[in-house]
N, C-alpha and C. Protein backbone atom coordinates (compact mmCIF):
# COMPACT_ATOMS: atom_id res chain seq x y z
N UNK A 1 104.74 76.68 40.08
CA UNK A 1 104.72 75.23 40.15
C UNK A 1 104.61 74.68 38.73
N UNK A 2 105.17 73.52 38.54
CA UNK A 2 105.14 72.88 37.23
C UNK A 2 105.03 71.37 37.39
N UNK A 3 104.43 70.74 36.39
CA UNK A 3 104.34 69.29 36.36
C UNK A 3 105.72 68.73 36.05
N UNK A 4 106.21 67.86 36.89
CA UNK A 4 107.53 67.28 36.68
C UNK A 4 107.54 66.34 35.47
N UNK A 5 106.36 65.80 35.14
CA UNK A 5 106.26 64.87 34.01
C UNK A 5 106.37 65.59 32.66
N UNK A 6 105.59 66.68 32.50
CA UNK A 6 105.54 67.34 31.19
C UNK A 6 106.16 68.73 31.19
N UNK A 7 106.46 69.28 32.39
CA UNK A 7 107.08 70.60 32.48
C UNK A 7 106.12 71.76 32.34
N UNK A 8 104.83 71.48 32.18
CA UNK A 8 103.85 72.55 32.03
C UNK A 8 103.72 73.32 33.33
N UNK A 9 103.82 74.64 33.23
CA UNK A 9 103.72 75.49 34.40
C UNK A 9 102.28 75.80 34.76
N UNK A 10 102.07 76.18 36.00
CA UNK A 10 100.76 76.62 36.48
C UNK A 10 100.95 77.91 37.25
N UNK A 11 99.86 78.54 37.60
CA UNK A 11 99.94 79.74 38.43
C UNK A 11 99.70 79.39 39.89
N UNK A 12 99.86 78.13 40.23
CA UNK A 12 99.58 77.65 41.59
C UNK A 12 100.57 78.23 42.60
N UNK A 13 100.11 78.33 43.82
CA UNK A 13 100.93 78.80 44.93
C UNK A 13 101.66 77.59 45.52
N UNK A 14 102.88 77.81 45.95
CA UNK A 14 103.72 76.76 46.51
C UNK A 14 103.01 76.03 47.65
N UNK A 15 103.07 74.72 47.64
CA UNK A 15 102.51 73.81 48.63
C UNK A 15 100.99 73.85 48.71
N UNK A 16 100.32 74.20 47.62
CA UNK A 16 98.87 74.09 47.54
C UNK A 16 98.52 73.17 46.39
N UNK A 17 97.40 72.45 46.52
CA UNK A 17 96.97 71.55 45.46
C UNK A 17 96.62 72.34 44.21
N UNK A 18 96.88 71.74 43.04
CA UNK A 18 96.56 72.39 41.78
C UNK A 18 96.48 71.37 40.66
N UNK A 19 96.13 71.81 39.46
CA UNK A 19 96.00 70.93 38.31
C UNK A 19 97.11 71.20 37.31
N UNK A 20 97.52 70.16 36.62
CA UNK A 20 98.40 70.32 35.47
C UNK A 20 97.55 70.95 34.36
N UNK A 21 97.99 72.07 33.82
CA UNK A 21 97.23 72.75 32.78
C UNK A 21 97.11 71.92 31.50
N UNK A 22 98.06 71.05 31.27
CA UNK A 22 98.04 70.22 30.06
C UNK A 22 97.13 69.00 30.23
N UNK A 23 97.22 68.32 31.38
CA UNK A 23 96.50 67.07 31.59
C UNK A 23 95.19 67.26 32.36
N UNK A 24 94.97 68.44 32.95
CA UNK A 24 93.77 68.74 33.74
C UNK A 24 93.54 67.75 34.87
N UNK A 25 94.61 67.25 35.45
CA UNK A 25 94.52 66.32 36.57
C UNK A 25 94.85 67.05 37.86
N UNK A 26 93.94 66.98 38.82
CA UNK A 26 94.20 67.60 40.12
C UNK A 26 95.23 66.77 40.87
N UNK A 27 96.22 67.45 41.42
CA UNK A 27 97.29 66.77 42.12
C UNK A 27 97.51 67.41 43.49
N UNK A 28 98.00 66.62 44.40
CA UNK A 28 98.35 67.11 45.73
C UNK A 28 99.69 67.84 45.66
N UNK A 29 99.81 68.90 46.41
CA UNK A 29 101.06 69.67 46.43
C UNK A 29 102.22 68.85 46.98
N UNK A 30 101.92 67.79 47.71
CA UNK A 30 102.99 66.95 48.26
C UNK A 30 103.39 65.83 47.30
N UNK A 31 102.74 65.76 46.14
CA UNK A 31 103.05 64.75 45.13
C UNK A 31 104.48 64.99 44.62
N UNK A 32 105.33 63.96 44.60
CA UNK A 32 106.70 64.14 44.14
C UNK A 32 106.81 64.47 42.65
N UNK A 33 105.71 64.34 41.89
CA UNK A 33 105.74 64.68 40.47
C UNK A 33 105.52 66.17 40.22
N UNK A 34 105.33 66.94 41.27
CA UNK A 34 105.14 68.39 41.13
C UNK A 34 106.31 69.09 41.80
N UNK A 35 106.75 70.18 41.23
CA UNK A 35 107.89 70.89 41.79
C UNK A 35 107.84 72.36 41.42
N UNK A 36 108.57 73.16 42.17
CA UNK A 36 108.72 74.57 41.81
C UNK A 36 109.61 74.63 40.58
N UNK A 37 109.26 75.51 39.66
CA UNK A 37 110.04 75.65 38.44
C UNK A 37 110.59 77.06 38.35
N UNK A 38 111.88 77.17 38.20
CA UNK A 38 112.54 78.46 38.13
C UNK A 38 112.34 79.07 36.75
N UNK A 39 112.03 80.36 36.73
CA UNK A 39 111.97 81.11 35.47
C UNK A 39 112.77 82.38 35.66
N UNK A 40 113.72 82.60 34.79
CA UNK A 40 114.60 83.75 34.84
C UNK A 40 114.37 84.58 33.60
N UNK A 41 114.09 85.85 33.77
CA UNK A 41 113.97 86.76 32.62
C UNK A 41 115.28 87.52 32.51
N UNK A 42 115.84 87.53 31.32
CA UNK A 42 117.15 88.12 31.12
C UNK A 42 117.15 89.05 29.92
N UNK A 43 117.93 90.11 30.03
CA UNK A 43 118.22 90.98 28.89
C UNK A 43 119.59 90.56 28.38
N UNK A 44 119.63 90.13 27.14
CA UNK A 44 120.87 89.63 26.56
C UNK A 44 121.40 90.68 25.59
N UNK A 45 122.66 91.07 25.79
CA UNK A 45 123.27 92.14 25.00
C UNK A 45 124.52 91.63 24.30
N UNK A 46 124.74 92.12 23.10
CA UNK A 46 126.02 91.97 22.42
C UNK A 46 126.22 93.20 21.55
N UNK A 47 127.25 93.16 20.70
CA UNK A 47 127.55 94.34 19.88
C UNK A 47 126.46 94.68 18.86
N UNK A 48 125.58 93.73 18.56
CA UNK A 48 124.53 93.97 17.57
C UNK A 48 123.23 94.50 18.19
N UNK A 49 123.11 94.44 19.50
CA UNK A 49 121.88 94.92 20.14
C UNK A 49 121.54 94.09 21.36
N UNK A 50 120.25 94.07 21.69
CA UNK A 50 119.81 93.32 22.86
C UNK A 50 118.46 92.67 22.60
N UNK A 51 118.18 91.66 23.40
CA UNK A 51 116.91 90.93 23.29
C UNK A 51 116.55 90.42 24.69
N UNK A 52 115.26 90.34 24.96
CA UNK A 52 114.81 89.77 26.23
C UNK A 52 114.56 88.28 26.02
N UNK A 53 114.88 87.50 27.04
CA UNK A 53 114.69 86.05 26.96
C UNK A 53 114.19 85.52 28.29
N UNK A 54 113.48 84.40 28.24
CA UNK A 54 113.07 83.68 29.44
C UNK A 54 113.85 82.38 29.48
N UNK A 55 114.42 82.08 30.63
CA UNK A 55 115.21 80.87 30.82
C UNK A 55 114.53 80.07 31.92
N UNK A 56 114.29 78.78 31.67
CA UNK A 56 113.49 77.96 32.58
C UNK A 56 114.29 76.83 33.20
N UNK A 57 113.75 76.32 34.30
CA UNK A 57 114.18 75.06 34.89
C UNK A 57 115.60 75.03 35.39
N UNK A 58 116.24 73.89 35.17
CA UNK A 58 117.57 73.66 35.74
C UNK A 58 118.62 74.61 35.19
N UNK A 59 118.45 75.09 33.96
CA UNK A 59 119.42 76.04 33.40
C UNK A 59 119.34 77.36 34.16
N UNK A 60 118.13 77.84 34.42
CA UNK A 60 117.95 79.07 35.19
C UNK A 60 118.52 78.90 36.60
N UNK A 61 118.27 77.75 37.21
CA UNK A 61 118.78 77.50 38.56
C UNK A 61 120.30 77.46 38.58
N UNK A 62 120.90 76.91 37.54
CA UNK A 62 122.36 76.85 37.46
C UNK A 62 122.95 78.26 37.34
N UNK A 63 122.32 79.11 36.54
CA UNK A 63 122.80 80.48 36.38
C UNK A 63 122.69 81.24 37.70
N UNK A 64 121.56 81.09 38.39
CA UNK A 64 121.32 81.82 39.63
C UNK A 64 122.09 81.26 40.82
N UNK A 65 122.33 79.95 40.81
CA UNK A 65 123.06 79.33 41.91
C UNK A 65 122.19 78.80 43.03
N UNK A 66 120.88 78.73 42.81
CA UNK A 66 119.95 78.16 43.79
C UNK A 66 118.70 77.70 43.07
N UNK A 67 117.92 76.85 43.75
CA UNK A 67 116.72 76.29 43.14
C UNK A 67 115.51 77.18 43.38
N UNK A 68 114.47 76.96 42.60
CA UNK A 68 113.22 77.68 42.78
C UNK A 68 112.62 77.40 44.15
N UNK A 69 112.73 76.17 44.62
CA UNK A 69 112.22 75.82 45.94
C UNK A 69 112.95 76.60 47.03
N UNK A 70 114.25 76.77 46.90
CA UNK A 70 115.01 77.56 47.87
C UNK A 70 114.54 79.01 47.90
N UNK A 71 114.20 79.56 46.76
CA UNK A 71 113.69 80.94 46.69
C UNK A 71 112.36 81.04 47.41
N UNK A 72 111.46 80.09 47.14
CA UNK A 72 110.13 80.12 47.74
C UNK A 72 110.21 79.93 49.25
N UNK A 73 111.07 79.05 49.70
CA UNK A 73 111.16 78.74 51.12
C UNK A 73 111.97 79.77 51.92
N UNK A 74 112.87 80.50 51.26
CA UNK A 74 113.73 81.47 51.96
C UNK A 74 113.85 82.78 51.16
N UNK A 75 112.74 83.47 50.90
CA UNK A 75 112.81 84.66 50.04
C UNK A 75 113.70 85.77 50.58
N UNK A 76 113.86 85.88 51.88
CA UNK A 76 114.67 86.95 52.45
C UNK A 76 116.17 86.72 52.25
N UNK A 77 116.55 85.49 51.96
CA UNK A 77 117.97 85.18 51.74
C UNK A 77 118.42 85.54 50.32
N UNK A 78 117.47 85.84 49.45
CA UNK A 78 117.79 86.13 48.06
C UNK A 78 117.94 87.64 47.89
N UNK A 79 119.15 88.09 47.55
CA UNK A 79 119.42 89.50 47.34
C UNK A 79 119.55 89.75 45.85
N UNK A 80 118.49 90.28 45.24
CA UNK A 80 118.48 90.47 43.79
C UNK A 80 119.56 91.43 43.31
N UNK A 81 119.86 92.44 44.09
CA UNK A 81 120.91 93.38 43.70
C UNK A 81 122.26 92.67 43.60
N UNK A 82 122.58 91.83 44.58
CA UNK A 82 123.83 91.07 44.55
C UNK A 82 123.88 90.12 43.36
N UNK A 83 122.76 89.46 43.08
CA UNK A 83 122.70 88.54 41.95
C UNK A 83 122.92 89.29 40.64
N UNK A 84 122.26 90.44 40.50
CA UNK A 84 122.42 91.25 39.29
C UNK A 84 123.87 91.67 39.11
N UNK A 85 124.50 92.14 40.17
CA UNK A 85 125.90 92.56 40.09
C UNK A 85 126.82 91.39 39.75
N UNK A 86 126.52 90.23 40.28
CA UNK A 86 127.32 89.04 40.02
C UNK A 86 127.23 88.60 38.55
N UNK A 87 126.03 88.69 37.99
CA UNK A 87 125.80 88.19 36.63
C UNK A 87 125.99 89.24 35.54
N UNK A 88 125.97 90.52 35.92
CA UNK A 88 125.96 91.61 34.94
C UNK A 88 127.09 91.55 33.93
N UNK A 89 128.28 91.22 34.34
CA UNK A 89 129.43 91.22 33.43
C UNK A 89 129.92 89.82 33.07
N UNK A 90 129.13 88.80 33.39
CA UNK A 90 129.50 87.44 33.01
C UNK A 90 129.19 87.22 31.53
N UNK A 91 129.95 86.35 30.93
CA UNK A 91 129.73 85.98 29.53
C UNK A 91 129.14 84.58 29.49
N UNK A 92 128.07 84.42 28.73
CA UNK A 92 127.40 83.14 28.57
C UNK A 92 127.33 82.80 27.09
N UNK A 93 127.46 81.54 26.77
CA UNK A 93 127.25 81.05 25.42
C UNK A 93 125.82 80.55 25.34
N UNK A 94 125.01 81.17 24.48
CA UNK A 94 123.59 80.86 24.41
C UNK A 94 123.19 80.37 23.04
N UNK A 95 122.20 79.51 23.02
CA UNK A 95 121.56 79.10 21.78
C UNK A 95 120.10 79.48 21.92
N UNK A 96 119.65 80.43 21.12
CA UNK A 96 118.28 80.93 21.21
C UNK A 96 117.41 80.27 20.16
N UNK A 97 116.14 80.12 20.52
CA UNK A 97 115.18 79.64 19.53
C UNK A 97 113.92 80.47 19.66
N UNK A 98 113.26 80.66 18.57
CA UNK A 98 112.06 81.51 18.60
C UNK A 98 110.81 80.73 18.37
């Protein structure tokens, strides 16, 4: 879960009340300012080597083709092997920052 206002993530469980780690404000899980936030861990390879990266939010959802909320609500519909095979040979243009 993440604060929709500031994007700060929490370790909260879906549909349970929690606090924004940045603002320390307790919020209801039904509050429209809170949402599931997608995080994708990727191994990025090119001819020079490889690096691990974390991709967050709408960019991760666009790559995967579904939202974080869809994953939480329908975990059995998500086939990680199929997703890996689909993305394994795709080419992406990335801008990395450290």
